[in-house]
Protein backbone atom coordinates (compact mmCIF):
# COMPACT_ATOMS: atom_id res chain seq x y z
CA MET A 1 42.14 10.87 -1.48
CA ARG A 2 40.68 12.55 -5.00
CA LYS A 3 40.30 15.77 -3.68
CA LYS A 4 43.70 16.00 -1.79
CA HIS A 5 45.44 15.03 -5.20
CA THR A 6 43.05 18.41 -7.13
CA ASP A 7 44.26 20.34 -4.63
CA ILE A 8 48.01 19.79 -4.77
CA VAL A 9 47.80 19.59 -8.67
CA ALA A 10 46.51 23.33 -8.59
CA ALA A 11 48.50 24.31 -5.82
CA LEU A 12 51.73 22.91 -7.70
CA ARG A 13 49.98 25.29 -10.86
CA SER A 14 49.97 28.05 -9.06
CA LEU A 15 53.54 27.99 -7.66
CA ARG A 16 55.03 26.77 -11.03
CA TRP A 17 56.64 30.28 -12.58
CA PRO A 18 57.22 31.76 -8.73
CA LEU A 19 59.36 28.87 -7.59
CA ALA A 20 61.40 28.44 -10.94
CA GLY A 21 62.27 32.34 -10.74
CA VAL A 22 63.49 31.33 -7.29
CA VAL A 23 65.65 28.53 -8.35
CA GLY A 24 66.71 30.31 -11.40
CA LEU A 25 67.31 33.18 -8.91
CA LEU A 26 69.65 30.46 -6.53
CA PHE A 27 71.32 29.49 -9.05
CA ALA A 28 72.34 32.57 -10.67
CA LEU A 29 73.59 33.81 -6.62
CA THR A 30 75.22 30.11 -6.69
CA ARG A 31 77.32 31.12 -9.64
CA LEU A 32 78.43 34.29 -8.65
CA ALA A 33 78.95 33.78 -5.26
CA GLU A 34 81.22 30.44 -7.06
CA THR A 35 83.07 33.57 -9.63
CA ALA A 36 84.08 35.49 -6.62
CA MET A 37 85.41 32.66 -4.52
CA LEU A 38 87.35 31.48 -7.43
CA SER A 39 88.65 35.05 -7.81
CA TRP A 40 90.01 34.98 -4.46
CA ARG A 41 94.05 33.42 -5.23
CA PRO A 42 94.29 31.09 -1.75
CA LEU A 43 91.04 29.34 -2.44
CA GLY A 44 91.23 29.29 -6.37
CA PRO A 45 92.74 26.04 -6.80
CA TRP A 46 90.87 24.24 -4.53
CA LEU A 47 87.86 25.69 -6.04
CA THR A 48 88.25 24.45 -9.16
CA THR A 49 88.81 21.18 -8.32
CA LEU A 50 85.65 21.22 -6.18
CA ASP A 51 84.04 23.16 -8.76
CA PRO A 52 82.84 20.22 -10.59
CA LEU A 53 81.77 17.87 -8.05
CA PHE A 54 79.66 20.38 -6.04
CA TRP A 55 77.61 21.29 -9.63
CA GLY A 56 77.52 17.17 -10.15
CA LEU A 57 75.70 16.54 -6.41
CA LEU A 58 73.58 19.51 -7.50
CA ALA A 59 72.08 18.31 -10.29
CA ALA A 60 71.47 15.17 -8.70
CA GLY A 61 69.99 16.08 -6.13
CA ALA A 62 67.60 18.41 -9.03
CA VAL A 63 67.29 15.38 -10.89
CA PHE A 64 66.30 13.17 -7.49
CA ALA A 65 64.25 15.51 -6.22
CA ILE A 66 61.82 16.02 -9.89
CA LEU A 67 61.66 11.88 -10.49
CA SER A 68 60.56 11.76 -6.57
CA TRP A 69 58.02 14.30 -7.64
CA ALA A 70 57.32 12.47 -10.71
CA ALA A 71 56.86 9.20 -9.13
CA ARG A 72 54.47 10.76 -5.86
CA GLN A 73 52.16 12.26 -8.71
CA GLU A 74 51.73 8.51 -10.67
CA GLN A 75 51.09 7.05 -6.91
CA LEU A 76 48.41 9.84 -6.19
CA ARG A 77 46.95 9.23 -9.87
CA ARG A 78 47.07 5.50 -9.25
CA ALA A 79 45.36 6.01 -5.79
CA THR A 80 42.86 8.40 -7.33
CA GLU A 81 42.09 5.97 -10.39
CA THR A 82 41.49 2.82 -7.48
CA ALA A 83 39.11 4.83 -5.58
CA MET A 84 37.58 5.71 -8.98
CA LEU A 85 36.98 2.97 -10.04
CA ASP A 86 36.07 1.02 -6.47
CA GLU A 87 33.43 4.51 -6.25
CA LEU A 88 32.50 3.16 -10.01
CA ARG A 89 31.79 -0.55 -9.12
CA ARG A 90 29.69 0.71 -6.16
CA THR A 91 27.65 2.52 -7.78
CA ASN A 92 27.42 0.18 -9.81
CA ALA A 93 26.24 -2.13 -7.33
CA ARG A 94 23.80 0.43 -6.09
CA LEU A 95 22.46 0.66 -9.53
CA GLU A 96 21.84 -2.67 -10.78
CA LEU A 97 20.37 -3.64 -7.02
CA LEU A 98 18.18 -0.45 -7.10
CA TYR A 99 17.62 -1.97 -11.12
CA GLU A 100 16.76 -5.87 -10.12
CA LEU A 101 14.09 -4.07 -6.78
CA ASN A 102 12.53 -1.92 -9.36
CA GLN A 103 12.28 -5.03 -12.06
CA ARG A 104 11.20 -7.50 -9.40
CA VAL A 105 8.53 -5.17 -7.74
CA ALA A 106 7.07 -4.41 -11.27
CA SER A 107 6.41 -7.69 -11.66
CA SER A 108 5.25 -9.34 -8.55
CA ASP A 109 2.19 -10.34 -8.89
CA SER A 110 1.25 -10.26 -5.64
CA LEU A 111 2.45 -9.17 -1.94
CA ASP A 112 3.43 -12.46 -1.02
CA ASP A 113 5.86 -12.19 -4.09
CA VAL A 114 7.31 -8.91 -3.19
CA LEU A 115 7.60 -9.99 0.53
CA ASP A 116 9.42 -12.92 -0.19
CA TYR A 117 11.74 -10.74 -2.56
CA ALA A 118 12.55 -8.59 -0.06
CA ILE A 119 13.39 -11.13 2.57
CA THR A 120 16.19 -11.39 0.31
CA LEU A 121 17.56 -7.92 0.73
CA PRO A 122 19.04 -7.14 4.04
CA ALA A 123 21.60 -9.93 3.55
CA ARG A 124 23.07 -8.12 0.47
CA LEU A 125 22.45 -4.65 2.14
CA VAL A 126 24.33 -5.28 5.10
CA GLY A 127 25.57 -8.99 4.97
CA ALA A 128 23.10 -9.81 7.68
CA ARG A 129 23.22 -13.46 8.70
CA ALA A 130 19.86 -13.83 9.80
CA ALA A 131 16.99 -11.12 8.67
CA ALA A 132 12.74 -10.22 9.45
CA LEU A 133 10.19 -8.13 8.40
CA VAL A 134 7.66 -6.99 10.17
CA LEU A 135 4.85 -5.04 8.64
CA TYR A 136 1.79 -3.22 10.62
CA ASP A 137 -1.58 -4.71 9.67
CA GLU A 138 -5.01 -2.69 8.99
CA ARG A 139 -5.02 -2.35 13.20
CA GLY A 140 -1.69 -0.74 13.28
CA ALA A 141 -0.46 -4.34 14.70
CA PRO A 142 3.10 -4.75 13.69
CA LEU A 143 3.17 -8.92 12.19
CA THR A 144 6.32 -10.76 11.45
CA ALA A 145 6.13 -11.34 7.67
CA ARG A 146 8.64 -12.76 7.14
CA SER A 147 11.94 -14.34 8.59
CA VAL A 148 15.19 -16.04 7.25
CA GLY A 149 18.24 -17.39 8.91
CA LEU A 150 16.34 -17.96 12.49
CA ALA A 151 13.59 -20.47 14.19
CA GLU A 152 11.25 -18.73 15.68
CA ASP A 153 12.34 -19.32 18.56
CA GLN A 154 16.00 -17.76 17.77
CA LEU A 155 14.10 -15.40 16.62
CA SER A 156 12.61 -14.20 19.91
CA ALA A 157 15.97 -14.47 21.82
CA VAL A 158 17.68 -12.65 19.20
CA ARG A 159 15.12 -9.85 19.41
CA ALA A 160 14.81 -10.51 23.50
CA ALA A 161 19.24 -10.06 23.02
CA VAL A 162 18.57 -5.90 21.08
CA GLY A 163 16.34 -4.83 23.32
CA LEU A 164 12.70 -5.98 20.65
CA THR A 165 11.07 -6.95 23.08
CA PRO A 166 7.00 -7.48 22.50
CA PRO A 167 5.36 -4.87 21.83
CA LEU A 168 7.92 -4.81 19.20
CA ALA A 169 9.08 -1.11 18.77
CA PRO A 170 9.35 0.14 15.09
CA PRO A 171 12.83 2.62 14.19
CA LEU A 172 11.46 5.90 14.87
CA SER A 173 13.53 7.19 11.56
CA GLY A 174 15.96 6.47 9.03
CA PRO A 175 18.40 3.09 9.55
CA ARG A 176 19.69 2.39 12.38
CA VAL A 177 21.72 -0.30 14.92
CA LEU A 178 20.86 -1.80 17.93
CA GLN A 179 23.60 -3.75 19.72
CA ALA A 180 23.35 -6.66 21.56
CA SER A 181 23.27 -6.97 25.25
CA THR A 182 23.68 -10.36 26.02
CA ARG A 183 24.63 -13.37 23.93
CA ALA A 184 22.34 -13.63 20.97
CA PRO A 185 22.04 -17.15 18.91
CA LEU A 186 24.75 -17.82 15.90
CA ASN A 187 27.52 -15.47 17.46
CA LEU A 188 25.19 -12.07 16.46
CA VAL A 189 25.80 -8.96 18.08
CA ALA A 190 23.30 -6.20 16.86
CA CYS A 191 20.74 -5.63 14.97
CA ILE A 192 19.90 -3.05 11.72
CA LEU A 193 16.51 -1.89 11.41
CA ILE A 194 16.08 -0.69 8.54
CA PRO A 195 12.56 1.24 8.48
CA LEU A 196 10.07 0.50 5.45
CA ALA A 197 8.76 4.40 4.14
CA GLU A 198 8.11 6.18 1.08
CA HIS A 199 9.42 9.51 2.02
CA ASN A 200 7.38 10.59 5.43
CA ALA A 201 4.33 9.17 5.47
CA PRO A 202 4.58 6.37 8.16
CA PRO A 203 6.28 3.33 8.17
CA VAL A 204 4.22 0.66 6.79
CA GLY A 205 7.11 -1.98 8.85
CA TRP A 206 10.45 -2.29 8.93
CA ILE A 207 13.52 -4.70 8.50
CA GLU A 208 15.60 -6.38 10.75
CA GLY A 209 19.60 -7.44 9.55
CA TYR A 210 21.05 -9.25 12.16
CA VAL A 211 24.68 -9.37 11.90
CA VAL A 212 27.98 -10.54 12.91
CA ASP A 213 29.61 -7.17 12.64
CA THR A 214 28.62 -4.34 12.78
CA GLY A 215 31.77 -2.33 11.36
CA GLN A 216 31.24 -2.79 7.77
CA ILE A 217 28.72 -3.56 5.63
CA ALA A 218 28.83 -5.03 2.48
CA LEU A 219 27.14 -4.18 -0.47
CA ALA A 220 25.85 -6.04 -3.57
CA ASP A 221 29.22 -7.13 -5.58
CA ALA A 222 31.09 -3.84 -3.95
CA PRO A 223 34.20 -3.59 -1.42
CA ALA A 224 33.57 -3.03 1.84
CA ALA A 225 31.12 0.45 2.03
CA GLY A 226 32.72 1.74 5.81
CA PRO A 227 30.38 1.59 9.00
CA LEU A 228 26.33 2.03 8.92
CA ALA A 229 26.44 5.27 11.38
CA SER A 230 29.03 7.36 9.64
CA ASN A 231 28.98 6.32 5.78
CA SER A 232 26.17 8.46 4.04
CA GLU A 233 26.10 6.61 0.84
CA SER A 234 24.88 3.65 2.16
CA ASN A 235 22.69 4.78 4.83
CA THR A 236 20.93 6.39 1.78
CA LEU A 237 20.76 3.19 -0.39
CA LEU A 238 18.67 1.63 2.73
CA VAL A 239 16.81 4.42 2.79
CA THR A 240 15.91 4.24 -1.06
CA VAL A 241 15.66 0.93 -1.25
CA ALA A 242 13.03 0.55 1.63
CA GLY A 243 11.22 3.82 0.22
CA GLU A 244 10.62 0.84 -3.04
CA LEU A 245 9.72 -1.48 -1.09
CA ALA A 246 7.24 0.57 0.80
CA GLU A 247 5.88 1.26 -1.93
CA ALA A 248 5.60 -1.71 -3.20
CA VAL A 249 4.07 -2.90 -0.37
CA VAL A 250 1.33 -0.13 -0.17
CA SER A 251 0.76 -0.70 -4.46
CA SER A 252 0.19 -4.56 -3.47
CA ARG A 253 -2.42 -4.08 -0.74
CA ARG A 254 -3.49 -1.26 -2.44
CA ARG A 255 -3.92 -3.78 -5.87
CA ALA A 256 -5.38 -6.37 -2.79
CA ARG A 257 -8.28 -4.45 -2.08
CA GLU A 258 -9.15 -3.25 -5.85
CA LEU A 259 -9.10 -7.14 -6.68
CA ALA A 260 -11.10 -7.55 -3.81
CA SER A 261 -13.76 -4.63 -4.49
CA ILE A 262 -14.13 -5.63 -7.95
CA ALA A 263 -15.20 -9.14 -6.87
CA ALA A 264 -17.37 -7.98 -4.22
CA LEU A 265 -18.73 -5.84 -7.38
CA GLU A 266 -19.43 -9.10 -9.10
CA GLN A 267 -20.74 -11.01 -6.51
CA ALA A 268 -23.47 -8.63 -5.92
CA ILE A 269 -23.74 -8.28 -9.78
CA THR A 270 -24.30 -12.13 -9.69
CA GLU A 271 -26.91 -11.61 -7.10
CA GLU A 272 -29.02 -8.94 -8.04
CA ARG A 273 -29.47 -11.24 -11.73
CA THR A 274 -30.20 -14.12 -9.81
CA ARG A 275 -32.72 -12.18 -7.19
CA ILE A 276 -34.65 -10.37 -10.54
CA ALA A 277 -34.07 -13.49 -12.21
CA ARG A 278 -35.93 -15.49 -9.35
CA ASP A 279 -38.40 -12.55 -9.13
CA LEU A 280 -38.93 -13.10 -12.79
CA HIS A 281 -39.50 -16.52 -12.50
CA ASP A 282 -41.70 -17.34 -8.80
CA GLY A 283 -44.38 -13.96 -9.94
CA ILE A 284 -44.47 -13.03 -13.70
CA ALA A 285 -43.04 -15.72 -15.20
CA GLN A 286 -45.74 -18.13 -13.11
CA SER A 287 -48.90 -15.61 -13.52
CA LEU A 288 -48.53 -15.57 -17.14
CA ALA A 289 -48.94 -19.43 -16.96
CA PHE A 290 -51.69 -19.27 -14.82
CA LEU A 291 -53.13 -17.43 -17.24
CA ARG A 292 -52.09 -19.67 -20.01
CA MET A 293 -53.92 -21.86 -18.42
CA ARG A 294 -56.97 -19.51 -17.79
CA VAL A 295 -57.40 -19.01 -21.46
CA ASP A 296 -57.81 -22.79 -22.43
CA LEU A 297 -60.94 -22.16 -19.86
CA TRP A 298 -62.53 -19.51 -21.26
CA GLU A 299 -62.61 -20.98 -24.94
CA ASP A 300 -65.03 -24.04 -23.49
CA TRP A 301 -67.04 -21.08 -21.20
CA LEU A 302 -67.38 -19.24 -24.49
CA GLU A 303 -70.29 -21.68 -25.13
CA GLN A 304 -71.24 -23.13 -21.64
CA GLU A 305 -71.22 -20.17 -19.08
CA PRO A 306 -70.74 -16.77 -21.77
CA GLU A 307 -71.92 -15.11 -18.14
CA ARG A 308 -69.00 -15.90 -16.14
CA LEU A 309 -66.16 -14.16 -18.68
CA ARG A 310 -67.09 -10.56 -17.77
CA ASP A 311 -66.08 -11.63 -13.66
CA GLU A 312 -62.69 -13.52 -15.38
CA PHE A 313 -62.18 -10.32 -17.19
CA VAL A 314 -61.72 -8.14 -14.21
CA ALA A 315 -59.49 -10.52 -11.95
CA VAL A 316 -57.39 -11.16 -14.69
CA LYS A 317 -57.30 -7.13 -16.13
CA ALA A 318 -55.85 -6.63 -12.01
CA ASN A 319 -53.60 -9.61 -11.73
CA LEU A 320 -52.39 -7.78 -15.53
CA ARG A 321 -52.12 -4.69 -13.26
CA ARG A 322 -49.71 -6.32 -10.97
CA GLN A 323 -47.91 -8.36 -12.72
CA ILE A 324 -47.47 -4.98 -15.22
CA GLU A 325 -45.58 -3.04 -11.48
CA GLU A 326 -44.06 -6.16 -10.82
CA LEU A 327 -42.12 -5.66 -14.11
CA ARG A 328 -41.39 -2.10 -13.87
CA ARG A 329 -40.09 -2.65 -10.41
CA ALA A 330 -37.79 -5.57 -11.97
CA ILE A 331 -37.01 -3.23 -14.51
CA PHE A 332 -36.34 -0.55 -12.48
CA ALA A 333 -33.76 -2.44 -10.31
CA LEU A 334 -31.99 -3.28 -13.34
CA ARG A 335 -30.72 0.33 -13.87
CA PRO A 336 -27.03 0.90 -12.82
CA VAL A 337 -26.09 1.38 -9.24
CA GLU A 338 -24.32 5.62 -10.24
CA LEU A 339 -22.40 5.70 -7.22
CA SER A 340 -19.34 6.62 -8.94
CA GLN A 341 -21.21 9.67 -10.86
CA LEU A 342 -23.68 11.08 -7.93
CA GLY A 343 -21.29 9.51 -4.84
CA PHE A 344 -22.90 6.84 -2.69
CA ALA A 345 -25.22 9.76 -0.47
CA GLY A 346 -26.13 11.14 -3.94
CA ALA A 347 -27.31 7.94 -5.91
CA LEU A 348 -29.09 6.82 -2.63
CA ARG A 349 -31.34 9.76 -2.55
CA ARG A 350 -31.95 9.59 -6.02
CA PHE A 351 -33.24 6.26 -5.97
CA VAL A 352 -35.19 6.01 -3.31
CA ALA A 353 -36.84 9.67 -4.26
CA GLU A 354 -37.62 7.41 -7.69
CA PHE A 355 -38.98 3.74 -6.30
CA ALA A 356 -41.11 5.41 -4.07
CA ASP A 357 -42.45 7.66 -6.30
CA GLN A 358 -42.58 4.90 -8.99
CA GLN A 359 -44.89 2.89 -6.08
CA GLU A 360 -46.69 5.77 -4.79
CA TRP A 361 -45.78 6.68 -1.42
CA ASP A 362 -44.95 8.79 1.13
CA LEU A 363 -41.20 9.42 1.54
CA ASP A 364 -39.25 10.55 4.07
CA LEU A 365 -35.61 10.03 3.83
CA GLU A 366 -32.65 10.84 6.71
CA LEU A 367 -28.99 10.69 5.70
CA SER A 368 -28.07 14.27 7.49
CA GLU A 369 -26.42 11.47 10.16
CA LEU A 370 -24.09 9.66 6.68
CA PRO A 371 -19.83 10.55 7.55
CA PRO A 372 -18.56 11.53 4.04
CA ASP A 373 -15.80 9.05 3.79
CA LEU A 374 -17.07 5.84 3.93
CA PRO A 375 -15.73 2.37 2.80
CA HIS A 376 -16.65 1.55 -0.82
CA ASP A 377 -17.78 -1.93 -0.28
CA LEU A 378 -19.48 -0.41 2.74
CA GLU A 379 -21.21 1.44 1.07
CA LEU A 380 -22.36 -0.29 -2.23
CA ALA A 381 -23.44 -3.31 0.91
CA ALA A 382 -25.46 -0.91 2.61
CA PHE A 383 -27.15 0.23 -1.54
CA ARG A 384 -28.09 -3.42 -1.38
CA PHE A 385 -29.82 -3.56 1.83
CA VAL A 386 -32.25 -0.61 1.14
CA GLN A 387 -32.69 -1.83 -2.30
CA GLU A 388 -33.46 -5.51 -1.17
CA ALA A 389 -35.76 -3.68 1.91
CA LEU A 390 -37.51 -1.48 -0.73
CA ASN A 391 -38.48 -4.40 -2.45
CA ASN A 392 -39.66 -6.92 -0.10
CA THR A 393 -42.22 -3.68 0.43
CA ALA A 394 -43.01 -2.92 -2.38
CA LYS A 395 -44.09 -6.96 -2.91
CA HIS A 396 -45.84 -7.56 0.21
CA ALA A 397 -46.56 -4.87 2.46
CA ALA A 398 -48.93 -2.03 0.46
CA ALA A 399 -47.62 0.27 2.12
CA ARG A 400 -49.07 4.33 1.40
CA HIS A 401 -45.80 6.11 4.21
CA VAL A 402 -42.09 4.61 3.61
CA ALA A 403 -38.76 5.88 5.52
CA VAL A 404 -35.34 5.54 5.35
CA VAL A 405 -32.49 6.22 7.36
CA LEU A 406 -28.88 5.95 7.82
CA ARG A 407 -26.81 6.37 10.44
CA LEU A 408 -23.80 5.71 12.86
CA VAL A 409 -24.78 3.65 15.64
CA ASP A 410 -22.17 1.74 17.63
CA GLY A 411 -19.35 2.41 15.94
CA GLY A 412 -21.03 1.13 12.81
CA LEU A 413 -23.87 1.72 9.57
CA GLN A 414 -27.14 1.54 11.09
CA VAL A 415 -29.77 0.82 7.93
CA VAL A 416 -33.15 0.94 8.89
CA VAL A 417 -35.95 1.14 6.60
CA ARG A 418 -39.49 2.13 8.08
CA ASP A 419 -42.88 1.49 6.39
CA ASP A 420 -46.37 1.72 7.36
CA GLY A 421 -48.04 -1.42 5.66
CA ALA A 422 -49.46 -5.16 6.11
CA GLY A 423 -47.20 -5.68 8.54
CA PHE A 424 -46.09 -9.89 9.58
CA ASP A 425 -45.35 -12.39 12.86
CA PRO A 426 -41.23 -12.13 12.00
CA GLY A 427 -41.38 -15.42 14.78
CA GLY A 428 -43.30 -17.15 11.83
CA LEU A 429 -41.05 -17.14 9.17
CA SER A 430 -40.98 -19.92 7.45
CA ASP A 431 -37.01 -21.13 5.94
CA ALA A 432 -39.82 -22.87 2.62
CA PRO A 433 -38.92 -21.50 -0.43
CA GLY A 434 -40.52 -18.43 -1.23
CA GLY A 435 -40.67 -17.88 1.97
CA HIS A 436 -39.59 -14.23 2.72
CA LEU A 437 -36.29 -15.24 1.16
CA GLY A 438 -35.40 -11.95 0.81
CA LEU A 439 -34.92 -11.26 4.79
CA ARG A 440 -32.94 -14.83 4.68
CA GLN A 441 -30.94 -13.06 1.84
CA MET A 442 -29.88 -10.30 3.61
CA ARG A 443 -29.19 -11.92 6.74
CA GLU A 444 -26.96 -14.19 4.92
CA ARG A 445 -25.52 -10.77 3.13
CA ALA A 446 -24.95 -9.23 6.10
CA ALA A 447 -23.50 -12.33 8.89
CA ALA A 448 -20.63 -11.68 5.69
CA LEU A 449 -20.27 -8.45 6.78
CA ASP A 450 -19.95 -9.89 10.31
CA GLY A 451 -23.34 -7.22 10.84
CA ARG A 452 -26.57 -8.73 11.54
CA VAL A 453 -30.27 -7.82 10.43
CA THR A 454 -32.99 -7.11 13.20
CA VAL A 455 -36.67 -6.77 11.41
CA ILE A 456 -39.16 -5.00 14.39
CA SER A 457 -43.20 -5.58 12.77
CA ARG A 458 -46.82 -6.69 13.93
CA PRO A 459 -50.02 -8.16 11.47
CA GLY A 460 -51.35 -4.74 10.52
CA GLN A 461 -48.67 -2.30 12.58
CA GLY A 462 -46.01 -1.55 9.90
CA THR A 463 -42.43 -3.13 9.91
CA GLU A 464 -39.37 -1.97 10.39
CA VAL A 465 -35.88 -3.67 9.44
CA ARG A 466 -32.33 -2.83 10.66
CA VAL A 467 -29.15 -3.31 9.33
CA TRP A 468 -25.85 -2.82 11.02
CA LEU A 469 -22.37 -3.01 9.44
CA PRO A 470 -19.04 -2.67 11.18
CA ILE A 471 -16.93 0.23 10.00
CA ARG A 472 -13.01 -1.60 10.61
CA TYR A 473 -10.44 0.41 10.47
CA THR A 474 -11.16 3.89 8.56
CA PRO A 475 -10.42 7.46 10.23
CA GLY A 476 -12.27 9.72 10.38
CA LEU A 477 -15.68 8.18 11.20
CA ALA A 478 -16.98 9.60 14.31
CA THR A 479 -19.69 7.04 16.50
CA ALA A 480 -23.38 7.80 17.30
CA SER A 481 -24.62 7.08 20.50
CA PRO A 482 -26.86 4.28 19.88
CA SER A 483 -30.76 5.24 19.32
């Protein structure tokens, strides 16, 4: 309407002088014709009488034409203003909705807050009587996260009516309408699918808005916006809102993973501190307490059995040497994990090499099959398992050669720590406090990650500890054959 009015005004402006010339010429020719006829005697008296009437009619016609044109221009102006006001209202409604969406997303503390708000939007965007919100889980399976306006059986029925039968088929690109082929609950006649996707990224899910009339789409606080298929502005709004929601879902999931990683890191730090405190208490603290008791005996032996002190000093020196080694091992374990600075492989290589050098071991380290894109929580868990296994070897095995291998086996990460030390009977492990507590903790930690720990050992034939951890939903990781 506005463009049509602008075209008319532009055309009139360009033709105003030619039209004025034509009108002036017509008046001049009419006047000349009138003068000629008045000079003709037979018609002169009649024309003199009709002359005022003719010019009066001509003036009336000119005034009528001018006023009609002015009235038409006023109608066009009012129609243009009304259209502009309607468009301004719709634009304001869209901006208000987007502003509200950004504010709600920014203030949401969790994914649940985002989804609770998202499920209210179909009613405002497309006038939906009922709605459902579907998200892909980590395995790529679609799950209904929220629904409103329909019971579970009704939702299944209306999905079947529009062709969304399990497995649910997501929209491929942009909003689209699925007409109901059979009678649906609540007289719903169609489903408007809105994919939740950021730009060209794969969708994280979609919104289903069920309506009773697809002819109009009701926007928030705005007049009807026209058919969905032909209204590009409405489509743009739907795509923009869907992109904002998709970004909010992705960000919320990322924050949840980060919080889980932080919690796992804090848990790992707590467990490590507990282990070090236990080692210090059960090892160094008890040894020092034992030495304190022996010192009391030395005071008596100085006078009664001084010859026994020489042998006692030899035993004390050996004991102190062991405790110094234990203390160094505890101090070494307190050093920060340098995963962020060196990467997982670099930090692990450095830790194992320094640990082996401290214990004077011959070391074989094999990381060639280690993939570059392991999940961070899996890297941290694998590091802790290697650390615990090496600590157990240092405390109990009296080994001279140690091998550490990390590789992919059966869709998971396998950690192998092997030594040529004293070995033991795995079947005779005691559940009492102090009885291979490190191995029990390793099993508990692996079970929490849906993994498993296998111990292969015999007295005098060394020990091999195998830890297997599953790799879930991580693209780009190949699986090796078990060996």
